[in-house]
N, C-alpha and C. Protein backbone atom coordinates (compact mmCIF):
# COMPACT_ATOMS: atom_id res chain seq x y z
N MET A 1 89.62 79.23 106.35
CA MET A 1 89.01 80.19 107.24
C MET A 1 87.91 79.49 108.04
N GLU A 2 87.86 79.79 109.34
CA GLU A 2 86.83 79.17 110.17
C GLU A 2 85.45 79.66 109.76
N GLN A 3 84.46 78.79 109.95
CA GLN A 3 83.08 79.14 109.60
C GLN A 3 82.61 80.35 110.40
N GLU A 4 83.04 80.41 111.66
CA GLU A 4 82.62 81.52 112.53
C GLU A 4 83.09 82.86 111.96
N LEU A 5 84.34 82.89 111.50
CA LEU A 5 84.89 84.12 110.93
C LEU A 5 84.19 84.45 109.62
N LYS A 6 83.94 83.42 108.82
CA LYS A 6 83.24 83.63 107.56
C LYS A 6 81.84 84.20 107.82
N ASP A 7 81.18 83.67 108.85
CA ASP A 7 79.85 84.18 109.21
C ASP A 7 79.94 85.65 109.64
N SER A 8 80.99 85.99 110.39
CA SER A 8 81.17 87.38 110.82
C SER A 8 81.35 88.29 109.61
N ILE A 9 82.15 87.83 108.66
CA ILE A 9 82.41 88.62 107.46
C ILE A 9 81.12 88.78 106.65
N MET A 10 80.39 87.68 106.47
CA MET A 10 79.14 87.77 105.71
C MET A 10 78.14 88.68 106.44
N GLY A 11 78.15 88.58 107.77
CA GLY A 11 77.26 89.45 108.56
C GLY A 11 77.60 90.92 108.36
N ALA A 12 78.90 91.22 108.34
CA ALA A 12 79.33 92.60 108.11
C ALA A 12 78.94 93.05 106.70
N LEU A 13 79.07 92.13 105.74
CA LEU A 13 78.73 92.49 104.36
C LEU A 13 77.23 92.75 104.19
N GLU A 14 76.42 92.19 105.10
CA GLU A 14 74.97 92.45 105.03
C GLU A 14 74.65 93.90 105.37
N LEU A 15 75.63 94.62 105.90
CA LEU A 15 75.42 96.04 106.20
C LEU A 15 75.70 96.91 104.98
N VAL A 16 76.27 96.30 103.94
CA VAL A 16 76.58 97.05 102.72
C VAL A 16 75.38 96.95 101.78
N VAL A 17 74.73 98.09 101.58
CA VAL A 17 73.48 98.10 100.82
C VAL A 17 73.74 98.65 99.42
N ASP A 18 73.21 97.95 98.42
CA ASP A 18 73.28 98.44 97.04
C ASP A 18 72.39 99.69 96.97
N PRO A 19 72.99 100.86 96.67
CA PRO A 19 72.22 102.10 96.73
C PRO A 19 71.07 102.14 95.72
N GLU A 20 71.24 101.44 94.61
CA GLU A 20 70.17 101.47 93.60
C GLU A 20 68.96 100.66 94.01
N LEU A 21 69.21 99.47 94.61
CA LEU A 21 68.11 98.57 94.94
C LEU A 21 67.70 98.63 96.41
N GLY A 22 68.56 99.21 97.25
CA GLY A 22 68.21 99.34 98.66
C GLY A 22 68.25 98.04 99.43
N ILE A 23 68.96 97.05 98.92
CA ILE A 23 69.08 95.75 99.58
C ILE A 23 70.57 95.42 99.68
N ASP A 24 70.93 94.71 100.75
CA ASP A 24 72.36 94.45 100.96
C ASP A 24 72.94 93.49 99.92
N VAL A 25 74.26 93.60 99.76
CA VAL A 25 74.96 92.84 98.71
C VAL A 25 74.92 91.33 98.92
N VAL A 26 74.76 90.89 100.18
CA VAL A 26 74.70 89.45 100.44
C VAL A 26 73.37 88.88 99.95
N ASN A 27 72.27 89.52 100.35
CA ASN A 27 70.95 89.03 99.93
C ASN A 27 70.72 89.19 98.44
N LEU A 28 71.39 90.15 97.83
CA LEU A 28 71.28 90.29 96.37
C LEU A 28 72.07 89.19 95.65
N GLY A 29 72.94 88.48 96.40
CA GLY A 29 73.73 87.43 95.77
C GLY A 29 74.93 87.98 95.02
N LEU A 30 75.38 89.18 95.40
CA LEU A 30 76.51 89.80 94.70
C LEU A 30 77.85 89.31 95.21
N VAL A 31 77.87 88.74 96.42
CA VAL A 31 79.14 88.27 96.99
C VAL A 31 79.33 86.81 96.58
N TYR A 32 80.37 86.57 95.78
CA TYR A 32 80.62 85.22 95.27
C TYR A 32 81.54 84.42 96.18
N ASP A 33 82.50 85.10 96.81
CA ASP A 33 83.47 84.37 97.62
C ASP A 33 84.16 85.32 98.58
N VAL A 34 84.59 84.76 99.72
CA VAL A 34 85.37 85.52 100.68
C VAL A 34 86.52 84.63 101.11
N GLU A 35 87.73 85.16 101.04
CA GLU A 35 88.90 84.40 101.46
C GLU A 35 89.74 85.27 102.37
N MET A 36 90.56 84.62 103.20
CA MET A 36 91.45 85.39 104.04
C MET A 36 92.76 84.65 104.21
N ASN A 37 93.87 85.37 104.09
CA ASN A 37 95.17 84.70 104.25
C ASN A 37 95.67 84.88 105.68
N GLU A 38 96.83 84.30 105.98
CA GLU A 38 97.37 84.32 107.35
C GLU A 38 97.65 85.74 107.83
N GLU A 39 97.94 86.64 106.91
CA GLU A 39 98.26 88.02 107.30
C GLU A 39 97.02 88.83 107.64
N GLY A 40 95.84 88.23 107.47
CA GLY A 40 94.62 88.97 107.78
C GLY A 40 94.10 89.79 106.61
N MET A 41 94.58 89.49 105.40
CA MET A 41 94.07 90.17 104.20
C MET A 41 92.84 89.43 103.70
N ALA A 42 91.70 90.10 103.78
CA ALA A 42 90.46 89.49 103.30
C ALA A 42 90.28 89.87 101.84
N THR A 43 89.92 88.90 101.02
CA THR A 43 89.63 89.17 99.62
C THR A 43 88.17 88.82 99.37
N VAL A 44 87.42 89.84 98.99
CA VAL A 44 86.00 89.65 98.70
C VAL A 44 85.83 89.65 97.19
N THR A 45 85.37 88.53 96.65
CA THR A 45 85.10 88.46 95.22
C THR A 45 83.61 88.69 95.05
N MET A 46 83.27 89.73 94.34
CA MET A 46 81.86 90.08 94.19
C MET A 46 81.60 90.70 92.83
N THR A 47 80.35 90.89 92.54
CA THR A 47 79.97 91.52 91.29
C THR A 47 79.03 92.66 91.63
N LEU A 48 78.55 93.35 90.60
CA LEU A 48 77.59 94.43 90.79
C LEU A 48 76.38 94.13 89.92
N THR A 49 75.26 94.76 90.23
CA THR A 49 74.04 94.46 89.47
C THR A 49 74.15 94.93 88.03
N SER A 50 74.96 95.97 87.78
CA SER A 50 75.13 96.40 86.39
C SER A 50 76.57 96.82 86.16
N MET A 51 77.05 96.56 84.96
CA MET A 51 78.45 96.83 84.64
C MET A 51 78.78 98.30 84.74
N GLY A 52 77.85 99.15 84.37
CA GLY A 52 78.12 100.58 84.40
C GLY A 52 77.75 101.20 85.73
N CYS A 53 77.69 100.39 86.78
CA CYS A 53 77.25 100.88 88.09
C CYS A 53 78.08 102.09 88.51
N PRO A 54 77.45 103.27 88.57
CA PRO A 54 78.21 104.49 88.91
C PRO A 54 78.65 104.48 90.37
N LEU A 55 78.08 103.59 91.16
CA LEU A 55 78.36 103.59 92.59
C LEU A 55 79.34 102.49 92.98
N ALA A 56 80.02 101.91 92.00
CA ALA A 56 80.96 100.82 92.29
C ALA A 56 81.97 101.23 93.35
N GLY A 57 82.54 102.43 93.22
CA GLY A 57 83.54 102.90 94.18
C GLY A 57 82.96 103.01 95.57
N THR A 58 81.74 103.49 95.66
CA THR A 58 81.06 103.64 96.95
C THR A 58 80.87 102.27 97.60
N ILE A 59 80.42 101.30 96.81
CA ILE A 59 80.18 99.96 97.34
C ILE A 59 81.49 99.33 97.82
N VAL A 60 82.55 99.49 97.05
CA VAL A 60 83.86 98.96 97.44
C VAL A 60 84.30 99.59 98.76
N ASP A 61 84.14 100.91 98.89
CA ASP A 61 84.52 101.60 100.13
C ASP A 61 83.70 101.09 101.31
N GLN A 62 82.41 100.84 101.08
CA GLN A 62 81.54 100.36 102.15
C GLN A 62 81.93 98.94 102.57
N VAL A 63 82.31 98.11 101.60
CA VAL A 63 82.75 96.74 101.92
C VAL A 63 83.99 96.81 102.81
N LYS A 64 84.96 97.66 102.42
CA LYS A 64 86.19 97.80 103.20
C LYS A 64 85.89 98.32 104.60
N ALA A 65 84.99 99.29 104.69
CA ALA A 65 84.65 99.86 106.00
C ALA A 65 83.96 98.82 106.88
N ALA A 66 83.07 98.03 106.28
CA ALA A 66 82.33 97.02 107.05
C ALA A 66 83.28 95.96 107.62
N LEU A 67 84.24 95.52 106.80
CA LEU A 67 85.16 94.48 107.25
C LEU A 67 86.23 95.01 108.20
N ALA A 68 86.47 96.32 108.17
CA ALA A 68 87.45 96.93 109.07
C ALA A 68 87.00 96.79 110.53
N GLU A 69 85.70 96.57 110.74
CA GLU A 69 85.16 96.40 112.09
C GLU A 69 85.51 95.03 112.68
N ILE A 70 85.91 94.09 111.85
CA ILE A 70 86.20 92.73 112.33
C ILE A 70 87.67 92.65 112.73
N PRO A 71 87.95 92.32 114.00
CA PRO A 71 89.34 92.35 114.50
C PRO A 71 90.32 91.51 113.68
N GLU A 72 89.89 90.33 113.21
CA GLU A 72 90.81 89.45 112.47
C GLU A 72 91.19 90.01 111.11
N VAL A 73 90.37 90.89 110.58
CA VAL A 73 90.62 91.43 109.23
C VAL A 73 91.53 92.65 109.33
N LYS A 74 92.73 92.52 108.80
CA LYS A 74 93.69 93.63 108.84
C LYS A 74 93.55 94.53 107.62
N ASP A 75 93.19 93.95 106.50
CA ASP A 75 93.05 94.72 105.27
C ASP A 75 92.07 93.99 104.36
N THR A 76 91.45 94.73 103.47
CA THR A 76 90.46 94.11 102.59
C THR A 76 90.73 94.50 101.14
N GLU A 77 90.66 93.50 100.29
CA GLU A 77 90.76 93.73 98.85
C GLU A 77 89.43 93.31 98.25
N VAL A 78 88.88 94.17 97.42
CA VAL A 78 87.61 93.84 96.78
C VAL A 78 87.88 93.58 95.31
N ASN A 79 87.53 92.37 94.91
CA ASN A 79 87.79 91.94 93.55
C ASN A 79 86.45 91.90 92.82
N ILE A 80 86.23 92.88 91.94
CA ILE A 80 84.95 92.93 91.20
C ILE A 80 85.09 92.10 89.93
N VAL A 81 84.21 91.13 89.78
CA VAL A 81 84.26 90.26 88.60
C VAL A 81 82.92 90.34 87.85
N TRP A 82 82.96 90.00 86.59
CA TRP A 82 81.72 90.00 85.77
C TRP A 82 81.36 88.60 85.31
N ASN A 83 82.14 87.63 85.79
CA ASN A 83 81.89 86.23 85.47
C ASN A 83 81.86 85.42 86.74
N PRO A 84 80.87 84.65 87.06
CA PRO A 84 79.62 84.56 86.27
C PRO A 84 78.80 85.84 86.40
N PRO A 85 78.07 86.20 85.35
CA PRO A 85 77.26 87.41 85.41
C PRO A 85 76.14 87.28 86.45
N TRP A 86 75.84 88.38 87.08
CA TRP A 86 74.78 88.37 88.09
C TRP A 86 73.41 88.29 87.42
N THR A 87 72.54 87.48 88.02
CA THR A 87 71.15 87.44 87.56
C THR A 87 70.26 87.49 88.79
N LYS A 88 69.00 87.76 88.58
CA LYS A 88 68.05 87.83 89.69
C LYS A 88 67.94 86.49 90.42
N ASP A 89 68.31 85.39 89.75
CA ASP A 89 68.25 84.07 90.37
C ASP A 89 69.19 83.95 91.58
N LYS A 90 70.23 84.78 91.62
CA LYS A 90 71.20 84.71 92.71
C LYS A 90 70.68 85.37 94.00
N MET A 91 69.57 86.10 93.89
CA MET A 91 69.03 86.80 95.04
C MET A 91 68.40 85.85 96.03
N SER A 92 68.47 86.20 97.31
CA SER A 92 67.81 85.40 98.35
C SER A 92 66.30 85.60 98.23
N ARG A 93 65.58 84.73 98.91
CA ARG A 93 64.12 84.83 98.92
C ARG A 93 63.71 86.19 99.48
N TYR A 94 64.42 86.62 100.52
CA TYR A 94 64.15 87.91 101.15
C TYR A 94 64.25 89.06 100.14
N ALA A 95 65.34 89.05 99.36
CA ALA A 95 65.55 90.13 98.38
C ALA A 95 64.47 90.11 97.31
N LYS A 96 64.10 88.92 96.86
CA LYS A 96 63.07 88.81 95.83
C LYS A 96 61.73 89.35 96.33
N ILE A 97 61.39 88.99 97.58
CA ILE A 97 60.12 89.48 98.15
C ILE A 97 60.19 91.01 98.29
N ALA A 98 61.32 91.52 98.79
CA ALA A 98 61.46 92.96 98.99
C ALA A 98 61.33 93.74 97.69
N LEU A 99 61.80 93.14 96.59
CA LEU A 99 61.75 93.82 95.30
C LEU A 99 60.52 93.42 94.48
N GLY A 100 59.70 92.56 95.05
CA GLY A 100 58.49 92.15 94.35
C GLY A 100 58.74 91.27 93.14
N ILE A 101 59.79 90.44 93.23
CA ILE A 101 60.11 89.53 92.11
C ILE A 101 59.64 88.13 92.47
N ARG A 102 58.94 87.48 91.56
CA ARG A 102 58.44 86.13 91.86
C ARG A 102 59.44 85.08 91.39
């Protein structure tokens, strides 16, 4: 996948905000990987801040909606994984400052 397209996808994913923390999934470090095949099927491998996240379905729907705006993306599959487990270390500097984490 071209870097430009990957940047577009990551940019779109920055519009998906974790409802519990109020920060987008990219800055939280929840997005582990993005791939796309020739047919335009984007696969987003991501995790959630907690395993019992009641809003998992909402976040998945928002990811699909965000990527639907990108012309090259024909369909999106969201693959939720628990390995490696998410930790606060994966957050961007921006997210840490916003949440008051040193």
